[in-house]
């Protein structure tokens, strides 16, 4: 993650204190492994877990092939997936994505004037959406 350091000096105590301040990190495939989801039935809460186990056993007993995509998705991952999709598939302006506490992501890849370069295809976003398990 991107970090910055700043020296702080209280007026009563002249001993410098160093505080690490997290900065925003550009969006891209680096975010995929963060806030991992689960595909394990064991990660579900009871009594749903038992019902789900019985349902999957019944399906398999009837000859069905069962593939579980997710049984748990943290809110942070849902946020990343939602906005990745909106930006890539719907052309949502990444400068207007609302922030989420605990997710220090820089959605807009801008130049030093704060503008999105006209030739910027937002590299890696479509690969990121594929990694985030979207069918695009």
C-alpha atoms as a PDB file:
ATOM      1  CA  UNK A   1       0.000   0.000   0.000  1.00  0.00           C
ATOM      2  CA  UNK A   2       1.108   3.540  -0.611  1.00  0.00           C
ATOM      3  CA  UNK A   3       2.209   5.334   2.529  1.00  0.00           C
ATOM      4  CA  UNK A   4       3.515   8.753   3.491  1.00  0.00           C
ATOM      5  CA  UNK A   5       5.323   9.893   6.602  1.00  0.00           C
ATOM      6  CA  UNK A   6       5.011  13.175   8.452  1.00  0.00           C
ATOM      7  CA  UNK A   7       6.893  14.446  11.502  1.00  0.00           C
ATOM      8  CA  UNK A   8       4.671  15.876  14.213  1.00  0.00           C
ATOM      9  CA  UNK A   9       6.021  17.925  17.106  1.00  0.00           C
ATOM     10  CA  UNK A  10       3.662  18.741  19.997  1.00  0.00           C
ATOM     11  CA  UNK A  11       4.251  22.131  21.649  1.00  0.00           C
ATOM     12  CA  UNK A  12       4.625  20.723  25.187  1.00  0.00           C
ATOM     13  CA  UNK A  13       7.018  17.938  24.158  1.00  0.00           C
ATOM     14  CA  UNK A  14       9.709  18.668  21.601  1.00  0.00           C
ATOM     15  CA  UNK A  15      10.412  14.994  20.889  1.00  0.00           C
ATOM     16  CA  UNK A  16       9.419  14.411  17.251  1.00  0.00           C
ATOM     17  CA  UNK A  17       6.722  11.821  16.679  1.00  0.00           C
ATOM     18  CA  UNK A  18       6.472  10.011  13.347  1.00  0.00           C
ATOM     19  CA  UNK A  19       3.024   9.006  12.156  1.00  0.00           C
ATOM     20  CA  UNK A  20       2.432   6.818   9.137  1.00  0.00           C
ATOM     21  CA  UNK A  21      -0.372   8.123   6.939  1.00  0.00           C
ATOM     22  CA  UNK A  22      -1.782   5.759   4.369  1.00  0.00           C
ATOM     23  CA  UNK A  23      -2.186   7.229   0.917  1.00  0.00           C
ATOM     24  CA  UNK A  24      -4.452   6.134  -1.886  1.00  0.00           C
ATOM     25  CA  UNK A  25      -3.253   3.239  -4.007  1.00  0.00           C
ATOM     26  CA  UNK A  26      -4.118   3.112  -7.716  1.00  0.00           C
ATOM     27  CA  UNK A  27      -6.825   0.667  -8.778  1.00  0.00           C
ATOM     28  CA  UNK A  28      -5.876  -2.465 -10.673  1.00  0.00           C
ATOM     29  CA  UNK A  29      -5.292  -6.190 -10.321  1.00  0.00           C
ATOM     30  CA  UNK A  30      -3.267  -5.636  -7.135  1.00  0.00           C
ATOM     31  CA  UNK A  31      -6.618  -5.226  -5.336  1.00  0.00           C
ATOM     32  CA  UNK A  32      -7.934  -8.655  -6.351  1.00  0.00           C
ATOM     33  CA  UNK A  33      -6.458 -10.713  -3.474  1.00  0.00           C
ATOM     34  CA  UNK A  34      -7.467  -8.184  -0.841  1.00  0.00           C
ATOM     35  CA  UNK A  35     -10.696  -8.706   1.090  1.00  0.00           C
ATOM     36  CA  UNK A  36     -10.943 -12.346  -0.064  1.00  0.00           C
ATOM     37  CA  UNK A  37     -14.230 -14.099  -0.572  1.00  0.00           C
ATOM     38  CA  UNK A  38     -14.958 -17.692   0.389  1.00  0.00           C
ATOM     39  CA  UNK A  39     -16.511 -20.567  -1.526  1.00  0.00           C
ATOM     40  CA  UNK A  40     -16.737 -22.855   1.506  1.00  0.00           C
ATOM     41  CA  UNK A  41     -20.073 -23.946   2.931  1.00  0.00           C
ATOM     42  CA  UNK A  42     -18.336 -24.177   6.313  1.00  0.00           C
ATOM     43  CA  UNK A  43     -18.025 -20.372   6.283  1.00  0.00           C
ATOM     44  CA  UNK A  44     -21.826 -19.968   6.314  1.00  0.00           C
ATOM     45  CA  UNK A  45     -23.687 -19.357   9.561  1.00  0.00           C
ATOM     46  CA  UNK A  46     -26.027 -21.888  11.123  1.00  0.00           C
ATOM     47  CA  UNK A  47     -28.789 -22.851  10.565  1.00  0.00           C
ATOM     48  CA  UNK A  48     -28.253 -21.897   6.902  1.00  0.00           C
ATOM     49  CA  UNK A  49     -25.016 -23.944   6.707  1.00  0.00           C
ATOM     50  CA  UNK A  50     -26.776 -27.229   7.512  1.00  0.00           C
ATOM     51  CA  UNK A  51     -29.625 -26.486   5.095  1.00  0.00           C
ATOM     52  CA  UNK A  52     -27.145 -25.604   2.361  1.00  0.00           C
ATOM     53  CA  UNK A  53     -25.163 -28.795   2.978  1.00  0.00           C
ATOM     54  CA  UNK A  54     -28.329 -30.867   2.702  1.00  0.00           C
ATOM     55  CA  UNK A  55     -29.387 -29.034  -0.460  1.00  0.00           C
ATOM     56  CA  UNK A  56     -26.006 -29.554  -2.157  1.00  0.00           C
ATOM     57  CA  UNK A  57     -25.992 -33.232  -1.146  1.00  0.00           C
ATOM     58  CA  UNK A  58     -29.487 -33.637  -2.611  1.00  0.00           C
ATOM     59  CA  UNK A  59     -28.438 -31.959  -5.864  1.00  0.00           C
ATOM     60  CA  UNK A  60     -25.340 -34.145  -6.176  1.00  0.00           C
ATOM     61  CA  UNK A  61     -27.399 -37.200  -5.266  1.00  0.00           C
ATOM     62  CA  UNK A  62     -29.667 -36.372  -8.187  1.00  0.00           C
ATOM     63  CA  UNK A  63     -26.665 -36.192 -10.510  1.00  0.00           C
ATOM     64  CA  UNK A  64     -26.200 -32.428 -10.597  1.00  0.00           C
ATOM     65  CA  UNK A  65     -22.794 -30.815 -10.778  1.00  0.00           C
ATOM     66  CA  UNK A  66     -22.490 -28.134  -8.095  1.00  0.00           C
ATOM     67  CA  UNK A  67     -19.994 -25.287  -8.261  1.00  0.00           C
ATOM     68  CA  UNK A  68     -20.119 -22.667  -5.535  1.00  0.00           C
ATOM     69  CA  UNK A  69     -18.819 -19.235  -6.538  1.00  0.00           C
ATOM     70  CA  UNK A  70     -19.084 -17.469  -3.166  1.00  0.00           C
ATOM     71  CA  UNK A  71     -20.586 -18.183   0.197  1.00  0.00           C
ATOM     72  CA  UNK A  72     -19.131 -15.051   1.745  1.00  0.00           C
ATOM     73  CA  UNK A  73     -18.126 -11.726   0.223  1.00  0.00           C
ATOM     74  CA  UNK A  74     -16.834  -8.954   2.510  1.00  0.00           C
ATOM     75  CA  UNK A  75     -18.482  -5.545   2.019  1.00  0.00           C
ATOM     76  CA  UNK A  76     -15.139  -4.124   0.856  1.00  0.00           C
ATOM     77  CA  UNK A  77     -14.911  -6.728  -1.916  1.00  0.00           C
ATOM     78  CA  UNK A  78     -18.503  -6.035  -2.959  1.00  0.00           C
ATOM     79  CA  UNK A  79     -17.628  -2.322  -3.136  1.00  0.00           C
ATOM     80  CA  UNK A  80     -14.581  -3.034  -5.329  1.00  0.00           C
ATOM     81  CA  UNK A  81     -16.555  -5.351  -7.596  1.00  0.00           C
ATOM     82  CA  UNK A  82     -19.458  -2.923  -7.935  1.00  0.00           C
ATOM     83  CA  UNK A  83     -17.359   0.089  -8.901  1.00  0.00           C
ATOM     84  CA  UNK A  84     -15.000  -1.889 -11.110  1.00  0.00           C
ATOM     85  CA  UNK A  85     -18.029  -3.069 -13.081  1.00  0.00           C
ATOM     86  CA  UNK A  86     -19.582   0.412 -13.274  1.00  0.00           C
ATOM     87  CA  UNK A  87     -16.336   1.981 -14.511  1.00  0.00           C
ATOM     88  CA  UNK A  88     -15.444  -0.705 -17.066  1.00  0.00           C
ATOM     89  CA  UNK A  89     -18.865  -1.745 -18.348  1.00  0.00           C
ATOM     90  CA  UNK A  90     -20.960   1.391 -17.888  1.00  0.00           C
ATOM     91  CA  UNK A  91     -18.323   4.082 -18.398  1.00  0.00           C
ATOM     92  CA  UNK A  92     -18.835   5.569 -14.937  1.00  0.00           C
ATOM     93  CA  UNK A  93     -16.397   8.425 -14.294  1.00  0.00           C
ATOM     94  CA  UNK A  94     -13.894   7.042 -11.746  1.00  0.00           C
ATOM     95  CA  UNK A  95     -13.426  10.533 -10.289  1.00  0.00           C
ATOM     96  CA  UNK A  96     -16.999  10.312  -8.967  1.00  0.00           C
ATOM     97  CA  UNK A  97     -16.745   6.980  -7.145  1.00  0.00           C
ATOM     98  CA  UNK A  98     -17.610   7.466  -3.469  1.00  0.00           C
ATOM     99  CA  UNK A  99     -14.982   6.392  -0.976  1.00  0.00           C
ATOM    100  CA  UNK A 100     -15.402   3.514   1.462  1.00  0.00           C
ATOM    101  CA  UNK A 101     -13.815   3.413   4.912  1.00  0.00           C
ATOM    102  CA  UNK A 102     -10.891   1.001   4.967  1.00  0.00           C
ATOM    103  CA  UNK A 103     -10.495   0.869   1.171  1.00  0.00           C
ATOM    104  CA  UNK A 104      -7.834   3.395   0.228  1.00  0.00           C
ATOM    105  CA  UNK A 105      -8.155   3.070  -3.523  1.00  0.00           C
ATOM    106  CA  UNK A 106      -7.542   5.704  -6.171  1.00  0.00           C
ATOM    107  CA  UNK A 107     -10.074   4.916  -8.877  1.00  0.00           C
ATOM    108  CA  UNK A 108      -9.167   7.767 -11.217  1.00  0.00           C
ATOM    109  CA  UNK A 109      -5.792   7.509 -12.915  1.00  0.00           C
ATOM    110  CA  UNK A 110      -5.104  11.183 -13.565  1.00  0.00           C
ATOM    111  CA  UNK A 111      -2.191  13.254 -14.818  1.00  0.00           C
ATOM    112  CA  UNK A 112      -0.447  15.893 -12.722  1.00  0.00           C
ATOM    113  CA  UNK A 113      -3.173  18.433 -13.582  1.00  0.00           C
ATOM    114  CA  UNK A 114      -5.920  16.175 -12.175  1.00  0.00           C
ATOM    115  CA  UNK A 115      -7.305  15.288 -15.601  1.00  0.00           C
ATOM    116  CA  UNK A 116      -7.791  11.821 -17.004  1.00  0.00           C
ATOM    117  CA  UNK A 117      -5.524  11.642 -20.058  1.00  0.00           C
ATOM    118  CA  UNK A 118      -7.529  11.360 -23.291  1.00  0.00           C
ATOM    119  CA  UNK A 119      -5.528   8.280 -24.303  1.00  0.00           C
ATOM    120  CA  UNK A 120      -6.012   6.518 -20.939  1.00  0.00           C
ATOM    121  CA  UNK A 121      -7.847   3.221 -21.428  1.00  0.00           C
ATOM    122  CA  UNK A 122      -7.572   2.567 -17.680  1.00  0.00           C
ATOM    123  CA  UNK A 123      -5.065  -0.229 -18.202  1.00  0.00           C
ATOM    124  CA  UNK A 124      -5.716  -3.430 -16.353  1.00  0.00           C
ATOM    125  CA  UNK A 125      -9.329  -2.665 -15.476  1.00  0.00           C
ATOM    126  CA  UNK A 126     -10.822  -5.275 -17.800  1.00  0.00           C
ATOM    127  CA  UNK A 127      -8.287  -7.846 -16.538  1.00  0.00           C
ATOM    128  CA  UNK A 128      -9.199  -6.808 -13.014  1.00  0.00           C
ATOM    129  CA  UNK A 129     -12.891  -7.357 -13.681  1.00  0.00           C
ATOM    130  CA  UNK A 130     -12.080 -10.818 -15.015  1.00  0.00           C
ATOM    131  CA  UNK A 131     -10.117 -11.547 -11.868  1.00  0.00           C
ATOM    132  CA  UNK A 132     -13.002 -10.268  -9.774  1.00  0.00           C
ATOM    133  CA  UNK A 133     -15.035 -13.106 -11.332  1.00  0.00           C
ATOM    134  CA  UNK A 134     -17.099 -11.065 -13.755  1.00  0.00           C
ATOM    135  CA  UNK A 135     -18.012 -12.379 -17.159  1.00  0.00           C
ATOM    136  CA  UNK A 136     -17.088  -9.530 -19.467  1.00  0.00           C
END
